[in-house]
Amino acid sequence: MQLVFFRPSLSIEESRRLLESLTKMFEQIHGGEHISTVFP
């Protein structure tokens, strides 16, 4: 499990895009599957 903290100034949509990019990169390097969720 990975926890990612974003600045409060980022919008939910920006946070989702960054998280999706990060999880895709992590998956390419390490393999496996991912589920990502942004909690406001």
PDB file of N, CA and C in Angstrom:
ATOM      1  N   MET A   1       0.850  -1.161   0.000  1.00  0.00           N
ATOM      2  CA  MET A   1       0.000   0.000   0.000  1.00  0.00           C
ATOM      3  C   MET A   1       0.900   1.230   0.000  1.00  0.00           C
ATOM      4  N   GLN A   2       0.553   2.178  -0.843  1.00  0.00           N
ATOM      5  CA  GLN A   2       1.269   3.442  -0.936  1.00  0.00           C
ATOM      6  C   GLN A   2       0.314   4.570  -0.552  1.00  0.00           C
ATOM      7  N   LEU A   3       0.775   5.485   0.251  1.00  0.00           N
ATOM      8  CA  LEU A   3       0.006   6.682   0.580  1.00  0.00           C
ATOM      9  C   LEU A   3       0.693   7.871  -0.057  1.00  0.00           C
ATOM     10  N   VAL A   4      -0.070   8.701  -0.730  1.00  0.00           N
ATOM     11  CA  VAL A   4       0.471   9.884  -1.386  1.00  0.00           C
ATOM     12  C   VAL A   4      -0.280  11.084  -0.846  1.00  0.00           C
ATOM     13  N   PHE A   5       0.454  12.082  -0.400  1.00  0.00           N
ATOM     14  CA  PHE A   5      -0.155  13.302   0.121  1.00  0.00           C
ATOM     15  C   PHE A   5       0.078  14.434  -0.875  1.00  0.00           C
ATOM     16  N   PHE A   6      -1.000  15.146  -1.210  1.00  0.00           N
ATOM     17  CA  PHE A   6      -0.919  16.279  -2.119  1.00  0.00           C
ATOM     18  C   PHE A   6      -1.151  17.574  -1.357  1.00  0.00           C
ATOM     19  N   ARG A   7      -0.620  18.646  -1.893  1.00  0.00           N
ATOM     20  CA  ARG A   7      -0.862  19.969  -1.307  1.00  0.00           C
ATOM     21  C   ARG A   7      -2.365  20.263  -1.327  1.00  0.00           C
ATOM     22  N   PRO A   8      -2.881  20.887  -0.299  1.00  0.00           N
ATOM     23  CA  PRO A   8      -4.314  21.204  -0.276  1.00  0.00           C
ATOM     24  C   PRO A   8      -4.736  22.160  -1.402  1.00  0.00           C
ATOM     25  N   SER A   9      -3.784  22.880  -1.968  1.00  0.00           N
ATOM     26  CA  SER A   9      -4.117  23.827  -3.034  1.00  0.00           C
ATOM     27  C   SER A   9      -4.418  23.133  -4.364  1.00  0.00           C
ATOM     28  N   LEU A  10      -4.056  21.855  -4.498  1.00  0.00           N
ATOM     29  CA  LEU A  10      -4.359  21.130  -5.735  1.00  0.00           C
ATOM     30  C   LEU A  10      -5.837  20.762  -5.780  1.00  0.00           C
ATOM     31  N   SER A  11      -6.413  20.891  -6.959  1.00  0.00           N
ATOM     32  CA  SER A  11      -7.810  20.484  -7.111  1.00  0.00           C
ATOM     33  C   SER A  11      -7.889  18.955  -7.094  1.00  0.00           C
ATOM     34  N   ILE A  12      -9.078  18.446  -6.879  1.00  0.00           N
ATOM     35  CA  ILE A  12      -9.288  16.994  -6.881  1.00  0.00           C
ATOM     36  C   ILE A  12      -8.905  16.414  -8.239  1.00  0.00           C
ATOM     37  N   GLU A  13      -9.262  17.100  -9.312  1.00  0.00           N
ATOM     38  CA  GLU A  13      -8.951  16.603 -10.659  1.00  0.00           C
ATOM     39  C   GLU A  13      -7.443  16.566 -10.900  1.00  0.00           C
ATOM     40  N   GLU A  14      -6.726  17.588 -10.488  1.00  0.00           N
ATOM     41  CA  GLU A  14      -5.269  17.588 -10.624  1.00  0.00           C
ATOM     42  C   GLU A  14      -4.650  16.457  -9.800  1.00  0.00           C
ATOM     43  N   SER A  15      -5.170  16.261  -8.609  1.00  0.00           N
ATOM     44  CA  SER A  15      -4.675  15.179  -7.746  1.00  0.00           C
ATOM     45  C   SER A  15      -4.901  13.827  -8.397  1.00  0.00           C
ATOM     46  N   ARG A  16      -6.058  13.632  -8.990  1.00  0.00           N
ATOM     47  CA  ARG A  16      -6.356  12.361  -9.663  1.00  0.00           C
ATOM     48  C   ARG A  16      -5.408  12.113 -10.827  1.00  0.00           C
ATOM     49  N   ARG A  17      -5.155  13.160 -11.630  1.00  0.00           N
ATOM     50  CA  ARG A  17      -4.254  13.007 -12.770  1.00  0.00           C
ATOM     51  C   ARG A  17      -2.835  12.673 -12.322  1.00  0.00           C
ATOM     52  N   LEU A  18      -2.350  13.363 -11.298  1.00  0.00           N
ATOM     53  CA  LEU A  18      -1.012  13.080 -10.781  1.00  0.00           C
ATOM     54  C   LEU A  18      -0.920  11.679 -10.208  1.00  0.00           C
ATOM     55  N   LEU A  19      -1.938  11.271  -9.462  1.00  0.00           N
ATOM     56  CA  LEU A  19      -1.940   9.940  -8.869  1.00  0.00           C
ATOM     57  C   LEU A  19      -1.979   8.858  -9.940  1.00  0.00           C
ATOM     58  N   GLU A  20      -2.766   9.064 -10.965  1.00  0.00           N
ATOM     59  CA  GLU A  20      -2.849   8.085 -12.055  1.00  0.00           C
ATOM     60  C   GLU A  20      -1.495   7.959 -12.755  1.00  0.00           C
ATOM     61  N   SER A  21      -0.846   9.076 -13.007  1.00  0.00           N
ATOM     62  CA  SER A  21       0.470   9.060 -13.636  1.00  0.00           C
ATOM     63  C   SER A  21       1.482   8.337 -12.760  1.00  0.00           C
ATOM     64  N   LEU A  22       1.467   8.624 -11.476  1.00  0.00           N
ATOM     65  CA  LEU A  22       2.390   8.000 -10.546  1.00  0.00           C
ATOM     66  C   LEU A  22       2.162   6.493 -10.459  1.00  0.00           C
ATOM     67  N   THR A  23       0.906   6.065 -10.381  1.00  0.00           N
ATOM     68  CA  THR A  23       0.630   4.637 -10.251  1.00  0.00           C
ATOM     69  C   THR A  23       0.964   3.881 -11.538  1.00  0.00           C
ATOM     70  N   LYS A  24       0.772   4.505 -12.699  1.00  0.00           N
ATOM     71  CA  LYS A  24       1.156   3.865 -13.956  1.00  0.00           C
ATOM     72  C   LYS A  24       2.663   3.661 -14.011  1.00  0.00           C
ATOM     73  N   MET A  25       3.421   4.676 -13.594  1.00  0.00           N
ATOM     74  CA  MET A  25       4.874   4.560 -13.582  1.00  0.00           C
ATOM     75  C   MET A  25       5.311   3.462 -12.606  1.00  0.00           C
ATOM     76  N   PHE A  26       4.730   3.436 -11.419  1.00  0.00           N
ATOM     77  CA  PHE A  26       5.066   2.425 -10.420  1.00  0.00           C
ATOM     78  C   PHE A  26       4.769   1.028 -10.956  1.00  0.00           C
ATOM     79  N   GLU A  27       3.632   0.886 -11.625  1.00  0.00           N
ATOM     80  CA  GLU A  27       3.238  -0.413 -12.182  1.00  0.00           C
ATOM     81  C   GLU A  27       4.169  -0.847 -13.305  1.00  0.00           C
ATOM     82  N   GLN A  28       4.625   0.073 -14.131  1.00  0.00           N
ATOM     83  CA  GLN A  28       5.553  -0.261 -15.206  1.00  0.00           C
ATOM     84  C   GLN A  28       6.877  -0.769 -14.646  1.00  0.00           C
ATOM     85  N   ILE A  29       7.322  -0.178 -13.556  1.00  0.00           N
ATOM     86  CA  ILE A  29       8.606  -0.556 -12.963  1.00  0.00           C
ATOM     87  C   ILE A  29       8.493  -1.863 -12.199  1.00  0.00           C
ATOM     88  N   HIS A  30       7.448  -1.993 -11.370  1.00  0.00           N
ATOM     89  CA  HIS A  30       7.350  -3.113 -10.440  1.00  0.00           C
ATOM     90  C   HIS A  30       6.365  -4.198 -10.866  1.00  0.00           C
ATOM     91  N   GLY A  31       5.529  -3.920 -11.862  1.00  0.00           N
ATOM     92  CA  GLY A  31       4.527  -4.885 -12.285  1.00  0.00           C
ATOM     93  C   GLY A  31       3.327  -4.878 -11.336  1.00  0.00           C
ATOM     94  N   GLY A  32       2.409  -5.781 -11.560  1.00  0.00           N
ATOM     95  CA  GLY A  32       1.228  -5.890 -10.711  1.00  0.00           C
ATOM     96  C   GLY A  32       0.078  -5.042 -11.199  1.00  0.00           C
ATOM     97  N   GLU A  33      -0.837  -4.812 -10.297  1.00  0.00           N
ATOM     98  CA  GLU A  33      -2.036  -4.035 -10.593  1.00  0.00           C
ATOM     99  C   GLU A  33      -2.167  -2.927  -9.572  1.00  0.00           C
ATOM    100  N   HIS A  34      -3.004  -1.946  -9.890  1.00  0.00           N
ATOM    101  CA  HIS A  34      -3.197  -0.861  -8.925  1.00  0.00           C
ATOM    102  C   HIS A  34      -4.662  -0.428  -8.881  1.00  0.00           C
ATOM    103  N   ILE A  35      -5.022   0.076  -7.747  1.00  0.00           N
ATOM    104  CA  ILE A  35      -6.311   0.738  -7.535  1.00  0.00           C
ATOM    105  C   ILE A  35      -5.963   2.060  -6.863  1.00  0.00           C
ATOM    106  N   SER A  36      -6.458   3.143  -7.400  1.00  0.00           N
ATOM    107  CA  SER A  36      -6.126   4.445  -6.813  1.00  0.00           C
ATOM    108  C   SER A  36      -7.406   5.211  -6.513  1.00  0.00           C
ATOM    109  N   THR A  37      -7.383   5.925  -5.405  1.00  0.00           N
ATOM    110  CA  THR A  37      -8.524   6.719  -4.959  1.00  0.00           C
ATOM    111  C   THR A  37      -8.008   7.999  -4.319  1.00  0.00           C
ATOM    112  N   VAL A  38      -8.707   9.100  -4.574  1.00  0.00           N
ATOM    113  CA  VAL A  38      -8.377  10.379  -3.948  1.00  0.00           C
ATOM    114  C   VAL A  38      -9.460  10.684  -2.932  1.00  0.00           C
ATOM    115  N   PHE A  39      -9.044  10.902  -1.687  1.00  0.00           N
ATOM    116  CA  PHE A  39      -9.970  11.294  -0.630  1.00  0.00           C
ATOM    117  C   PHE A  39      -9.829  12.790  -0.407  1.00  0.00           C
ATOM    118  N   PRO A  40     -10.922  13.519  -0.460  1.00  0.00           N
ATOM    119  CA  PRO A  40     -10.826  14.974  -0.252  1.00  0.00           C
ATOM    120  C   PRO A  40     -10.429  15.354   1.157  1.00  0.00           C
TER     121      PRO A  40
END
